[in-house]
Amino acid sequence: MTTSDRLVAGGLRYFQQALAQRIDGEVHFDRFTRAMHATDASVYQLLPLGVVAPRNREDVIRVLDLCREHGVSITARGGGTSQAGQSIGNGISLDFSRHMHRVLELDLAARTVWVEPGVVLEELNAQLKPHGLQLPLDLSTANRATIGGMIANNSAGTRSIIYGKTIDYVEALTVLLADGTVMDIGDLNADELAAKCAQPDREGEIYRTVSQLGAEHAAEIDQRYPKIQRRVGGYNLDEFVPAHMPPERPFNLARMLVGSEGTLGLTLAAKLRLVPLPKHKVLCAVHFADLLDAMTATPIILEHNPSAV
């Protein structure tokens, strides 16, 4: 029996009304809105049970509580630019792009910004430009891709050669777990990590588990994880092996959430590292007689550190 069948049998109208009464955001169960959220940039189509557009983090928490109570799945959605069906599901489609798109705090001295997950990359950079700053992830879908979706995908873009991936710019996250736990995660030194691991709650269990996974399976992780520039598939366990732990560098659980496609938690807010806008840009057009010549020249071009090829 599907989610829809179970709720129809138990009162779909009640579920819709309960959602509408608990949150300040929008609740849509009409077929037109559901159809709009049934597809993304992939070839797949999956009609959601309903669409909820939360206005704030309290809305997200209440929606999760109600869905957990009724056994309904949640799929977070940003700009719907995913090409593998990541932003569609047959439960509740949680649309962060509608209302949760505020820039919460900009620290010019530290070159960081706190944002909600529905902020669109291009719109964020437009606000940062007068300050000479940018989030330098050059996505082809930048005019509609949201920060929350980029965190879920660990998005990179055409200039990842020098600017890297989303994981390189996420300094801290506020996330909501499936059991309703809200976690604020960021850099921890060795003493702070030990204190987290000693907590008797869900948060402590997570810190202990991730630390143990990295320590116990370091050799296999190092052997099996591909050594490529734009590896964005799978959980980032390679970020938690001993070589990447305190005191070598701070422990940051955000690196596990990035790229997890919403399977580990929902992003409520993100702190991002910013970089200065380049003072000059140069485009070099090189012509080749055939594809093989172009491929042969690429390693030579990369020696000069271009932002894109």
C-alpha atoms as a PDB file:
ATOM      1  CA  MET A   1       0.000   0.000   0.000  1.00  0.00           C
ATOM      2  CA  THR A   2       1.426   3.390  -1.012  1.00  0.00           C
ATOM      3  CA  THR A   3       1.678   6.482   1.194  1.00  0.00           C
ATOM      4  CA  SER A   4      -1.303   7.983  -0.620  1.00  0.00           C
ATOM      5  CA  ASP A   5      -3.391   4.825  -0.110  1.00  0.00           C
ATOM      6  CA  ARG A   6      -2.651   4.718   3.613  1.00  0.00           C
ATOM      7  CA  LEU A   7      -3.572   8.348   4.107  1.00  0.00           C
ATOM      8  CA  VAL A   8      -6.713   8.133   1.994  1.00  0.00           C
ATOM      9  CA  ALA A   9      -7.772   5.237   4.174  1.00  0.00           C
ATOM     10  CA  GLY A  10      -6.913   7.188   7.328  1.00  0.00           C
ATOM     11  CA  GLY A  11      -8.110  10.601   6.283  1.00  0.00           C
ATOM     12  CA  LEU A  12      -6.104  12.577   3.729  1.00  0.00           C
ATOM     13  CA  ARG A  13      -8.252  15.656   4.303  1.00  0.00           C
ATOM     14  CA  TYR A  14      -7.435  15.570   8.018  1.00  0.00           C
ATOM     15  CA  PHE A  15      -3.714  15.381   7.228  1.00  0.00           C
ATOM     16  CA  GLN A  16      -3.929  18.376   4.894  1.00  0.00           C
ATOM     17  CA  GLN A  17      -5.899  20.391   7.443  1.00  0.00           C
ATOM     18  CA  ALA A  18      -3.488  19.474  10.218  1.00  0.00           C
ATOM     19  CA  LEU A  19      -0.579  20.746   8.123  1.00  0.00           C
ATOM     20  CA  ALA A  20      -2.376  24.003   7.310  1.00  0.00           C
ATOM     21  CA  GLN A  21      -3.250  24.597  10.963  1.00  0.00           C
ATOM     22  CA  ARG A  22       0.251  23.976  12.282  1.00  0.00           C
ATOM     23  CA  ILE A  23       2.339  26.145   9.965  1.00  0.00           C
ATOM     24  CA  ASP A  24       2.494  29.718   8.669  1.00  0.00           C
ATOM     25  CA  GLY A  25       3.528  28.608   5.191  1.00  0.00           C
ATOM     26  CA  GLU A  26       1.562  27.298   2.238  1.00  0.00           C
ATOM     27  CA  VAL A  27      -0.032  23.859   1.935  1.00  0.00           C
ATOM     28  CA  HIS A  28      -1.150  22.632  -1.498  1.00  0.00           C
ATOM     29  CA  PHE A  29      -2.781  19.303  -2.284  1.00  0.00           C
ATOM     30  CA  ASP A  30      -4.341  20.306  -5.622  1.00  0.00           C
ATOM     31  CA  ARG A  31      -3.280  18.290  -8.652  1.00  0.00           C
ATOM     32  CA  PHE A  32      -1.857  21.279 -10.558  1.00  0.00           C
ATOM     33  CA  THR A  33       0.647  22.236  -7.835  1.00  0.00           C
ATOM     34  CA  ARG A  34       1.530  18.606  -7.236  1.00  0.00           C
ATOM     35  CA  ALA A  35       2.159  18.114 -10.964  1.00  0.00           C
ATOM     36  CA  MET A  36       4.506  21.122 -11.004  1.00  0.00           C
ATOM     37  CA  HIS A  37       6.579  19.457  -8.288  1.00  0.00           C
ATOM     38  CA  ALA A  38       6.446  15.990  -9.855  1.00  0.00           C
ATOM     39  CA  THR A  39       9.431  16.623 -12.124  1.00  0.00           C
ATOM     40  CA  ASP A  40      12.862  18.213 -11.974  1.00  0.00           C
ATOM     41  CA  ALA A  41      15.592  18.418 -14.623  1.00  0.00           C
ATOM     42  CA  SER A  42      15.691  14.627 -14.849  1.00  0.00           C
ATOM     43  CA  VAL A  43      13.639  12.291 -17.029  1.00  0.00           C
ATOM     44  CA  TYR A  44      11.654  11.058 -14.029  1.00  0.00           C
ATOM     45  CA  GLN A  45       8.163  11.952 -12.855  1.00  0.00           C
ATOM     46  CA  LEU A  46       6.770  11.184  -9.408  1.00  0.00           C
ATOM     47  CA  LEU A  47       3.595  12.856  -8.171  1.00  0.00           C
ATOM     48  CA  PRO A  48       3.929  14.016  -4.547  1.00  0.00           C
ATOM     49  CA  LEU A  49       1.162  13.592  -2.014  1.00  0.00           C
ATOM     50  CA  GLY A  50       1.227  17.339  -1.376  1.00  0.00           C
ATOM     51  CA  VAL A  51       3.421  20.434  -1.531  1.00  0.00           C
ATOM     52  CA  VAL A  52       4.406  22.524   1.490  1.00  0.00           C
ATOM     53  CA  ALA A  53       6.244  25.845   1.260  1.00  0.00           C
ATOM     54  CA  PRO A  54       7.517  26.662   4.782  1.00  0.00           C
ATOM     55  CA  ARG A  55       8.053  30.272   5.835  1.00  0.00           C
ATOM     56  CA  ASN A  56      10.530  29.606   8.645  1.00  0.00           C
ATOM     57  CA  ARG A  57      12.434  26.893  10.489  1.00  0.00           C
ATOM     58  CA  GLU A  58       9.551  26.353  12.921  1.00  0.00           C
ATOM     59  CA  ASP A  59       7.359  25.415   9.957  1.00  0.00           C
ATOM     60  CA  VAL A  60       9.897  22.839   8.808  1.00  0.00           C
ATOM     61  CA  ILE A  61      10.062  21.298  12.279  1.00  0.00           C
ATOM     62  CA  ARG A  62       6.264  21.084  12.536  1.00  0.00           C
ATOM     63  CA  VAL A  63       5.922  19.539   9.078  1.00  0.00           C
ATOM     64  CA  LEU A  64       8.539  16.928   9.931  1.00  0.00           C
ATOM     65  CA  ASP A  65       6.810  16.113  13.228  1.00  0.00           C
ATOM     66  CA  LEU A  66       3.452  15.585  11.523  1.00  0.00           C
ATOM     67  CA  CYS A  67       4.911  13.560   8.657  1.00  0.00           C
ATOM     68  CA  ARG A  68       6.817  11.350  11.079  1.00  0.00           C
ATOM     69  CA  GLU A  69       3.609  10.816  13.065  1.00  0.00           C
ATOM     70  CA  HIS A  70       1.766   9.650   9.925  1.00  0.00           C
ATOM     71  CA  GLY A  71       4.653   7.784   8.271  1.00  0.00           C
ATOM     72  CA  VAL A  72       4.879  10.191   5.326  1.00  0.00           C
ATOM     73  CA  SER A  73       8.186  10.783   3.567  1.00  0.00           C
ATOM     74  CA  ILE A  74       9.633  14.256   2.929  1.00  0.00           C
ATOM     75  CA  THR A  75      11.635  15.357  -0.095  1.00  0.00           C
ATOM     76  CA  ALA A  76      13.381  18.725   0.141  1.00  0.00           C
ATOM     77  CA  ARG A  77      13.194  20.843  -3.006  1.00  0.00           C
ATOM     78  CA  GLY A  78      15.072  23.938  -4.076  1.00  0.00           C
ATOM     79  CA  GLY A  79      15.207  25.036  -7.698  1.00  0.00           C
ATOM     80  CA  GLY A  80      14.338  21.608  -9.107  1.00  0.00           C
ATOM     81  CA  THR A  81      17.509  21.547 -11.219  1.00  0.00           C
ATOM     82  CA  SER A  82      18.620  18.043 -10.211  1.00  0.00           C
ATOM     83  CA  GLN A  83      19.262  15.719 -13.142  1.00  0.00           C
ATOM     84  CA  ALA A  84      18.804  12.397 -11.351  1.00  0.00           C
ATOM     85  CA  GLY A  85      15.426  12.824  -9.659  1.00  0.00           C
ATOM     86  CA  GLN A  86      16.801  13.874  -6.269  1.00  0.00           C
ATOM     87  CA  SER A  87      14.158  16.554  -5.681  1.00  0.00           C
ATOM     88  CA  ILE A  88      11.036  14.495  -6.373  1.00  0.00           C
ATOM     89  CA  GLY A  89       9.217  11.988  -4.179  1.00  0.00           C
ATOM     90  CA  ASN A  90       5.787  10.529  -3.469  1.00  0.00           C
ATOM     91  CA  GLY A  91       5.410  12.056  -0.010  1.00  0.00           C
ATOM     92  CA  ILE A  92       5.498  15.750   0.885  1.00  0.00           C
ATOM     93  CA  SER A  93       7.523  18.009  -1.406  1.00  0.00           C
ATOM     94  CA  LEU A  94       9.058  20.626   0.890  1.00  0.00           C
ATOM     95  CA  ASP A  95       9.664  23.689  -1.290  1.00  0.00           C
ATOM     96  CA  PHE A  96      12.257  25.944   0.355  1.00  0.00           C
ATOM     97  CA  SER A  97      12.521  28.312  -2.616  1.00  0.00           C
ATOM     98  CA  ARG A  98       9.137  29.984  -2.095  1.00  0.00           C
ATOM     99  CA  HIS A  99       9.737  31.755   1.224  1.00  0.00           C
ATOM    100  CA  MET A 100      12.943  30.600   2.933  1.00  0.00           C
ATOM    101  CA  HIS A 101      15.298  32.638   0.772  1.00  0.00           C
ATOM    102  CA  ARG A 102      16.607  35.268   3.166  1.00  0.00           C
ATOM    103  CA  VAL A 103      20.191  36.372   3.715  1.00  0.00           C
ATOM    104  CA  LEU A 104      20.393  36.220   7.506  1.00  0.00           C
ATOM    105  CA  GLU A 105      23.780  37.727   8.316  1.00  0.00           C
ATOM    106  CA  LEU A 106      26.707  39.084   6.292  1.00  0.00           C
ATOM    107  CA  ASP A 107      30.079  39.455   8.018  1.00  0.00           C
ATOM    108  CA  LEU A 108      32.293  41.491   5.718  1.00  0.00           C
ATOM    109  CA  ALA A 109      35.329  41.291   7.988  1.00  0.00           C
ATOM    110  CA  ALA A 110      35.192  37.497   8.232  1.00  0.00           C
ATOM    111  CA  ARG A 111      33.965  37.130   4.631  1.00  0.00           C
ATOM    112  CA  THR A 112      31.112  34.840   5.622  1.00  0.00           C
ATOM    113  CA  VAL A 113      27.359  34.868   5.150  1.00  0.00           C
ATOM    114  CA  TRP A 114      24.474  33.018   6.825  1.00  0.00           C
ATOM    115  CA  VAL A 115      21.620  32.178   4.453  1.00  0.00           C
ATOM    116  CA  GLU A 116      18.417  30.171   4.368  1.00  0.00           C
ATOM    117  CA  PRO A 117      18.383  27.128   2.057  1.00  0.00           C
ATOM    118  CA  GLY A 118      16.082  28.669  -0.552  1.00  0.00           C
ATOM    119  CA  VAL A 119      18.463  31.490  -1.520  1.00  0.00           C
ATOM    120  CA  VAL A 120      19.264  31.379  -5.249  1.00  0.00           C
ATOM    121  CA  LEU A 121      22.999  31.433  -6.052  1.00  0.00           C
ATOM    122  CA  GLU A 122      22.814  34.206  -8.644  1.00  0.00           C
ATOM    123  CA  GLU A 123      20.692  36.406  -6.371  1.00  0.00           C
ATOM    124  CA  LEU A 124      23.109  35.888  -3.486  1.00  0.00           C
ATOM    125  CA  ASN A 125      26.068  36.885  -5.632  1.00  0.00           C
ATOM    126  CA  ALA A 126      24.172  39.972  -6.817  1.00  0.00           C
ATOM    127  CA  GLN A 127      23.849  41.072  -3.182  1.00  0.00           C
ATOM    128  CA  LEU A 128      27.512  40.311  -2.512  1.00  0.00           C
ATOM    129  CA  LYS A 129      28.893  42.079  -5.597  1.00  0.00           C
ATOM    130  CA  PRO A 130      28.750  45.644  -4.173  1.00  0.00           C
ATOM    131  CA  HIS A 131      30.976  44.384  -1.349  1.00  0.00           C
ATOM    132  CA  GLY A 132      33.483  42.859  -3.764  1.00  0.00           C
ATOM    133  CA  LEU A 133      32.678  39.317  -2.631  1.00  0.00           C
ATOM    134  CA  GLN A 134      31.236  36.177  -4.193  1.00  0.00           C
ATOM    135  CA  LEU A 135      30.391  32.539  -3.670  1.00  0.00           C
ATOM    136  CA  PRO A 136      32.508  31.380  -6.626  1.00  0.00           C
ATOM    137  CA  LEU A 137      30.576  28.263  -7.672  1.00  0.00           C
ATOM    138  CA  ASP A 138      29.792  28.868 -11.339  1.00  0.00           C
ATOM    139  CA  LEU A 139      26.790  26.629 -11.981  1.00  0.00           C
ATOM    140  CA  SER A 140      25.027  26.624 -15.338  1.00  0.00           C
ATOM    141  CA  THR A 141      21.752  26.795 -13.370  1.00  0.00           C
ATOM    142  CA  ALA A 142      22.915  29.644 -11.113  1.00  0.00           C
ATOM    143  CA  ASN A 143      19.805  31.742 -11.835  1.00  0.00           C
ATOM    144  CA  ARG A 144      17.559  29.152 -10.168  1.00  0.00           C
ATOM    145  CA  ALA A 145      19.743  26.718  -8.197  1.00  0.00           C
ATOM    146  CA  THR A 146      19.373  27.218  -4.439  1.00  0.00           C
ATOM    147  CA  ILE A 147      22.009  27.003  -1.741  1.00  0.00           C
ATOM    148  CA  GLY A 148      20.169  24.135  -0.052  1.00  0.00           C
ATOM    149  CA  GLY A 149      20.194  22.122  -3.262  1.00  0.00           C
ATOM    150  CA  MET A 150      23.858  22.914  -3.843  1.00  0.00           C
ATOM    151  CA  ILE A 151      24.685  21.658  -0.362  1.00  0.00           C
ATOM    152  CA  ALA A 152      22.674  18.488  -0.979  1.00  0.00           C
ATOM    153  CA  ASN A 153      24.438  17.863  -4.308  1.00  0.00           C
ATOM    154  CA  ASN A 154      27.883  19.196  -3.387  1.00  0.00           C
ATOM    155  CA  SER A 155      27.643  21.256  -6.569  1.00  0.00           C
ATOM    156  CA  ALA A 156      30.778  22.452  -8.325  1.00  0.00           C
ATOM    157  CA  GLY A 157      30.434  24.281 -11.642  1.00  0.00           C
ATOM    158  CA  THR A 158      32.669  25.132 -14.561  1.00  0.00           C
ATOM    159  CA  ARG A 159      35.332  26.895 -12.474  1.00  0.00           C
ATOM    160  CA  SER A 160      35.848  24.088  -9.984  1.00  0.00           C
ATOM    161  CA  ILE A 161      39.455  23.698 -11.168  1.00  0.00           C
ATOM    162  CA  ILE A 162      40.512  26.521  -8.865  1.00  0.00           C
ATOM    163  CA  TYR A 163      37.383  27.200  -6.804  1.00  0.00           C
ATOM    164  CA  GLY A 164      36.477  23.647  -5.817  1.00  0.00           C
ATOM    165  CA  LYS A 165      33.054  22.398  -4.725  1.00  0.00           C
ATOM    166  CA  THR A 166      30.321  23.453  -2.319  1.00  0.00           C
ATOM    167  CA  ILE A 167      31.962  21.454   0.477  1.00  0.00           C
ATOM    168  CA  ASP A 168      34.906  23.867   0.332  1.00  0.00           C
ATOM    169  CA  TYR A 169      32.674  26.821   1.268  1.00  0.00           C
ATOM    170  CA  VAL A 170      30.300  25.453   3.918  1.00  0.00           C
ATOM    171  CA  GLU A 171      31.621  26.516   7.331  1.00  0.00           C
ATOM    172  CA  ALA A 172      28.590  25.701   9.473  1.00  0.00           C
ATOM    173  CA  LEU A 173      25.051  24.369   9.205  1.00  0.00           C
ATOM    174  CA  THR A 174      21.860  24.292  11.210  1.00  0.00           C
ATOM    175  CA  VAL A 175      20.182  20.996  10.339  1.00  0.00           C
ATOM    176  CA  LEU A 176      17.019  19.140  11.270  1.00  0.00           C
ATOM    177  CA  LEU A 177      17.261  15.376  11.757  1.00  0.00           C
ATOM    178  CA  ALA A 178      14.522  12.817  11.148  1.00  0.00           C
ATOM    179  CA  ASP A 179      13.758  12.476  14.863  1.00  0.00           C
ATOM    180  CA  GLY A 180      13.239  16.231  15.244  1.00  0.00           C
ATOM    181  CA  THR A 181      16.681  17.016  16.662  1.00  0.00           C
ATOM    182  CA  VAL A 182      18.053  20.412  15.586  1.00  0.00           C
ATOM    183  CA  MET A 183      21.849  20.481  15.371  1.00  0.00           C
ATOM    184  CA  ASP A 184      24.203  23.432  14.965  1.00  0.00           C
ATOM    185  CA  ILE A 185      27.367  22.043  13.416  1.00  0.00           C
ATOM    186  CA  GLY A 186      30.686  23.681  12.627  1.00  0.00           C
ATOM    187  CA  ASP A 187      34.412  23.495  13.342  1.00  0.00           C
ATOM    188  CA  LEU A 188      35.437  21.650  16.524  1.00  0.00           C
ATOM    189  CA  ASN A 189      38.887  21.254  18.045  1.00  0.00           C
ATOM    190  CA  ALA A 190      39.941  18.043  19.801  1.00  0.00           C
ATOM    191  CA  ASP A 191      38.533  19.039  23.204  1.00  0.00           C
ATOM    192  CA  GLU A 192      35.241  20.232  21.724  1.00  0.00           C
ATOM    193  CA  LEU A 193      34.909  17.017  19.717  1.00  0.00           C
ATOM    194  CA  ALA A 194      35.533  14.927  22.838  1.00  0.00           C
ATOM    195  CA  ALA A 195      32.821  16.865  24.663  1.00  0.00           C
ATOM    196  CA  LYS A 196      30.362  16.263  21.811  1.00  0.00           C
ATOM    197  CA  CYS A 197      31.158  12.540  21.731  1.00  0.00           C
ATOM    198  CA  ALA A 198      30.516  12.343  25.486  1.00  0.00           C
ATOM    199  CA  GLN A 199      26.960  13.657  25.175  1.00  0.00           C
ATOM    200  CA  PRO A 200      24.361  10.977  26.024  1.00  0.00           C
ATOM    201  CA  ASP A 201      21.879  12.193  23.406  1.00  0.00           C
ATOM    202  CA  ARG A 202      21.317  11.684  19.677  1.00  0.00           C
ATOM    203  CA  GLU A 203      23.873  14.355  18.815  1.00  0.00           C
ATOM    204  CA  GLY A 204      26.560  12.606  20.843  1.00  0.00           C
ATOM    205  CA  GLU A 205      25.745   9.289  19.177  1.00  0.00           C
ATOM    206  CA  ILE A 206      26.209  10.838  15.732  1.00  0.00           C
ATOM    207  CA  TYR A 207      29.583  12.358  16.605  1.00  0.00           C
ATOM    208  CA  ARG A 208      30.784   9.057  18.073  1.00  0.00           C
ATOM    209  CA  THR A 209      29.605   7.062  15.059  1.00  0.00           C
ATOM    210  CA  VAL A 210      31.192   9.309  12.432  1.00  0.00           C
ATOM    211  CA  SER A 211      34.475   9.492  14.348  1.00  0.00           C
ATOM    212  CA  GLN A 212      34.586   5.699  14.717  1.00  0.00           C
ATOM    213  CA  LEU A 213      33.739   5.060  11.063  1.00  0.00           C
ATOM    214  CA  GLY A 214      36.621   7.218   9.887  1.00  0.00           C
ATOM    215  CA  ALA A 215      39.089   5.672  12.325  1.00  0.00           C
ATOM    216  CA  GLU A 216      38.100   2.026  11.833  1.00  0.00           C
ATOM    217  CA  HIS A 217      37.859   2.074   8.045  1.00  0.00           C
ATOM    218  CA  ALA A 218      40.550   4.627   7.156  1.00  0.00           C
ATOM    219  CA  ALA A 219      42.624   2.214   5.061  1.00  0.00           C
ATOM    220  CA  GLU A 220      39.682   0.977   3.009  1.00  0.00           C
ATOM    221  CA  ILE A 221      38.319   4.498   2.542  1.00  0.00           C
ATOM    222  CA  ASP A 222      41.705   5.687   1.310  1.00  0.00           C
ATOM    223  CA  GLN A 223      41.992   2.715  -1.048  1.00  0.00           C
ATOM    224  CA  ARG A 224      38.498   2.776  -2.523  1.00  0.00           C
ATOM    225  CA  TYR A 225      37.543   6.455  -2.726  1.00  0.00           C
ATOM    226  CA  PRO A 226      38.359   7.820  -6.216  1.00  0.00           C
ATOM    227  CA  LYS A 227      41.166  10.399  -6.315  1.00  0.00           C
ATOM    228  CA  ILE A 228      39.479  12.812  -8.718  1.00  0.00           C
ATOM    229  CA  GLN A 229      38.809  16.550  -8.588  1.00  0.00           C
ATOM    230  CA  ARG A 230      35.030  16.514  -8.765  1.00  0.00           C
ATOM    231  CA  ARG A 231      34.010  13.427  -6.833  1.00  0.00           C
ATOM    232  CA  VAL A 232      30.573  14.263  -5.487  1.00  0.00           C
ATOM    233  CA  GLY A 233      29.029  10.794  -5.216  1.00  0.00           C
ATOM    234  CA  GLY A 234      28.474   9.017  -1.906  1.00  0.00           C
ATOM    235  CA  TYR A 235      28.984  10.160   1.669  1.00  0.00           C
ATOM    236  CA  ASN A 236      32.177  12.103   2.372  1.00  0.00           C
ATOM    237  CA  LEU A 237      33.700   9.548   4.745  1.00  0.00           C
ATOM    238  CA  ASP A 238      37.131  10.438   3.385  1.00  0.00           C
ATOM    239  CA  GLU A 239      36.808  13.765   5.217  1.00  0.00           C
ATOM    240  CA  PHE A 240      36.782  11.953   8.588  1.00  0.00           C
ATOM    241  CA  VAL A 241      39.826   9.686   8.463  1.00  0.00           C
ATOM    242  CA  PRO A 242      42.524  10.401  11.101  1.00  0.00           C
ATOM    243  CA  ALA A 243      44.624  12.441   8.667  1.00  0.00           C
ATOM    244  CA  HIS A 244      41.766  14.957   8.446  1.00  0.00           C
ATOM    245  CA  MET A 245      40.873  15.003  12.152  1.00  0.00           C
ATOM    246  CA  PRO A 246      42.075  17.269  14.985  1.00  0.00           C
ATOM    247  CA  PRO A 247      44.745  18.404  15.524  1.00  0.00           C
ATOM    248  CA  GLU A 248      45.487  18.232  11.775  1.00  0.00           C
ATOM    249  CA  ARG A 249      42.376  20.284  11.087  1.00  0.00           C
ATOM    250  CA  PRO A 250      39.045  20.980  12.836  1.00  0.00           C
ATOM    251  CA  PHE A 251      36.341  18.318  12.876  1.00  0.00           C
ATOM    252  CA  ASN A 252      33.278  19.587  11.025  1.00  0.00           C
ATOM    253  CA  LEU A 253      30.229  17.380  10.640  1.00  0.00           C
ATOM    254  CA  ALA A 254      28.963  19.719   7.907  1.00  0.00           C
ATOM    255  CA  ARG A 255      31.318  17.937   5.532  1.00  0.00           C
ATOM    256  CA  MET A 256      29.234  14.788   5.991  1.00  0.00           C
ATOM    257  CA  LEU A 257      25.945  16.590   5.311  1.00  0.00           C
ATOM    258  CA  VAL A 258      27.222  18.184   2.101  1.00  0.00           C
ATOM    259  CA  GLY A 259      26.485  15.862  -0.803  1.00  0.00           C
ATOM    260  CA  SER A 260      24.181  13.601   1.216  1.00  0.00           C
ATOM    261  CA  GLU A 261      21.131  14.492  -0.930  1.00  0.00           C
ATOM    262  CA  GLY A 262      18.923  15.180   2.084  1.00  0.00           C
ATOM    263  CA  THR A 263      19.241  11.615   3.385  1.00  0.00           C
ATOM    264  CA  LEU A 264      20.905  12.663   6.658  1.00  0.00           C
ATOM    265  CA  GLY A 265      18.989  15.831   7.486  1.00  0.00           C
ATOM    266  CA  LEU A 266      17.335  19.014   6.251  1.00  0.00           C
ATOM    267  CA  THR A 267      19.346  22.228   6.031  1.00  0.00           C
ATOM    268  CA  LEU A 268      17.675  25.082   7.914  1.00  0.00           C
ATOM    269  CA  ALA A 269      20.521  27.592   7.550  1.00  0.00           C
ATOM    270  CA  ALA A 270      24.073  27.628   6.202  1.00  0.00           C
ATOM    271  CA  LYS A 271      27.180  29.674   6.903  1.00  0.00           C
ATOM    272  CA  LEU A 272      29.247  30.088   3.745  1.00  0.00           C
ATOM    273  CA  ARG A 273      32.808  31.243   3.180  1.00  0.00           C
ATOM    274  CA  LEU A 274      33.146  33.988   0.581  1.00  0.00           C
ATOM    275  CA  VAL A 275      36.057  35.043  -1.621  1.00  0.00           C
ATOM    276  CA  PRO A 276      36.931  38.366  -3.294  1.00  0.00           C
ATOM    277  CA  LEU A 277      35.777  39.009  -6.828  1.00  0.00           C
ATOM    278  CA  PRO A 278      38.664  38.727  -9.316  1.00  0.00           C
ATOM    279  CA  LYS A 279      40.057  42.108 -10.315  1.00  0.00           C
ATOM    280  CA  HIS A 280      40.620  41.014 -13.906  1.00  0.00           C
ATOM    281  CA  LYS A 281      39.229  38.321 -16.199  1.00  0.00           C
ATOM    282  CA  VAL A 282      40.822  37.069 -19.413  1.00  0.00           C
ATOM    283  CA  LEU A 283      39.356  34.726 -22.019  1.00  0.00           C
ATOM    284  CA  CYS A 284      41.685  32.777 -24.298  1.00  0.00           C
ATOM    285  CA  ALA A 285      40.188  31.015 -27.334  1.00  0.00           C
ATOM    286  CA  VAL A 286      42.343  28.174 -28.687  1.00  0.00           C
ATOM    287  CA  HIS A 287      41.507  26.357 -31.930  1.00  0.00           C
ATOM    288  CA  PHE A 288      42.457  22.748 -32.693  1.00  0.00           C
ATOM    289  CA  ALA A 289      42.317  20.684 -35.849  1.00  0.00           C
ATOM    290  CA  ASP A 290      40.665  17.745 -34.106  1.00  0.00           C
ATOM    291  CA  LEU A 291      39.432  16.518 -30.724  1.00  0.00           C
ATOM    292  CA  LEU A 292      42.532  14.430 -30.024  1.00  0.00           C
ATOM    293  CA  ASP A 293      44.778  17.506 -30.278  1.00  0.00           C
ATOM    294  CA  ALA A 294      42.500  19.375 -27.868  1.00  0.00           C
ATOM    295  CA  MET A 295      42.629  16.511 -25.364  1.00  0.00           C
ATOM    296  CA  THR A 296      46.414  16.308 -25.640  1.00  0.00           C
ATOM    297  CA  ALA A 297      46.752  20.028 -24.934  1.00  0.00           C
ATOM    298  CA  THR A 298      44.453  20.049 -21.907  1.00  0.00           C
ATOM    299  CA  PRO A 299      47.064  18.896 -19.315  1.00  0.00           C
ATOM    300  CA  ILE A 300      49.446  21.568 -20.616  1.00  0.00           C
ATOM    301  CA  ILE A 301      46.746  24.225 -20.271  1.00  0.00           C
ATOM    302  CA  LEU A 302      45.978  23.086 -16.718  1.00  0.00           C
ATOM    303  CA  GLU A 303      49.584  23.756 -15.696  1.00  0.00           C
ATOM    304  CA  HIS A 304      48.773  27.478 -15.973  1.00  0.00           C
ATOM    305  CA  ASN A 305      45.900  27.246 -13.428  1.00  0.00           C
ATOM    306  CA  PRO A 306      42.967  28.507 -15.495  1.00  0.00           C
ATOM    307  CA  SER A 307      39.630  28.824 -13.702  1.00  0.00           C
ATOM    308  CA  ALA A 308      37.949  26.807 -16.452  1.00  0.00           C
ATOM    309  CA  VAL A 309      38.770  24.922 -19.650  1.00  0.00           C
END
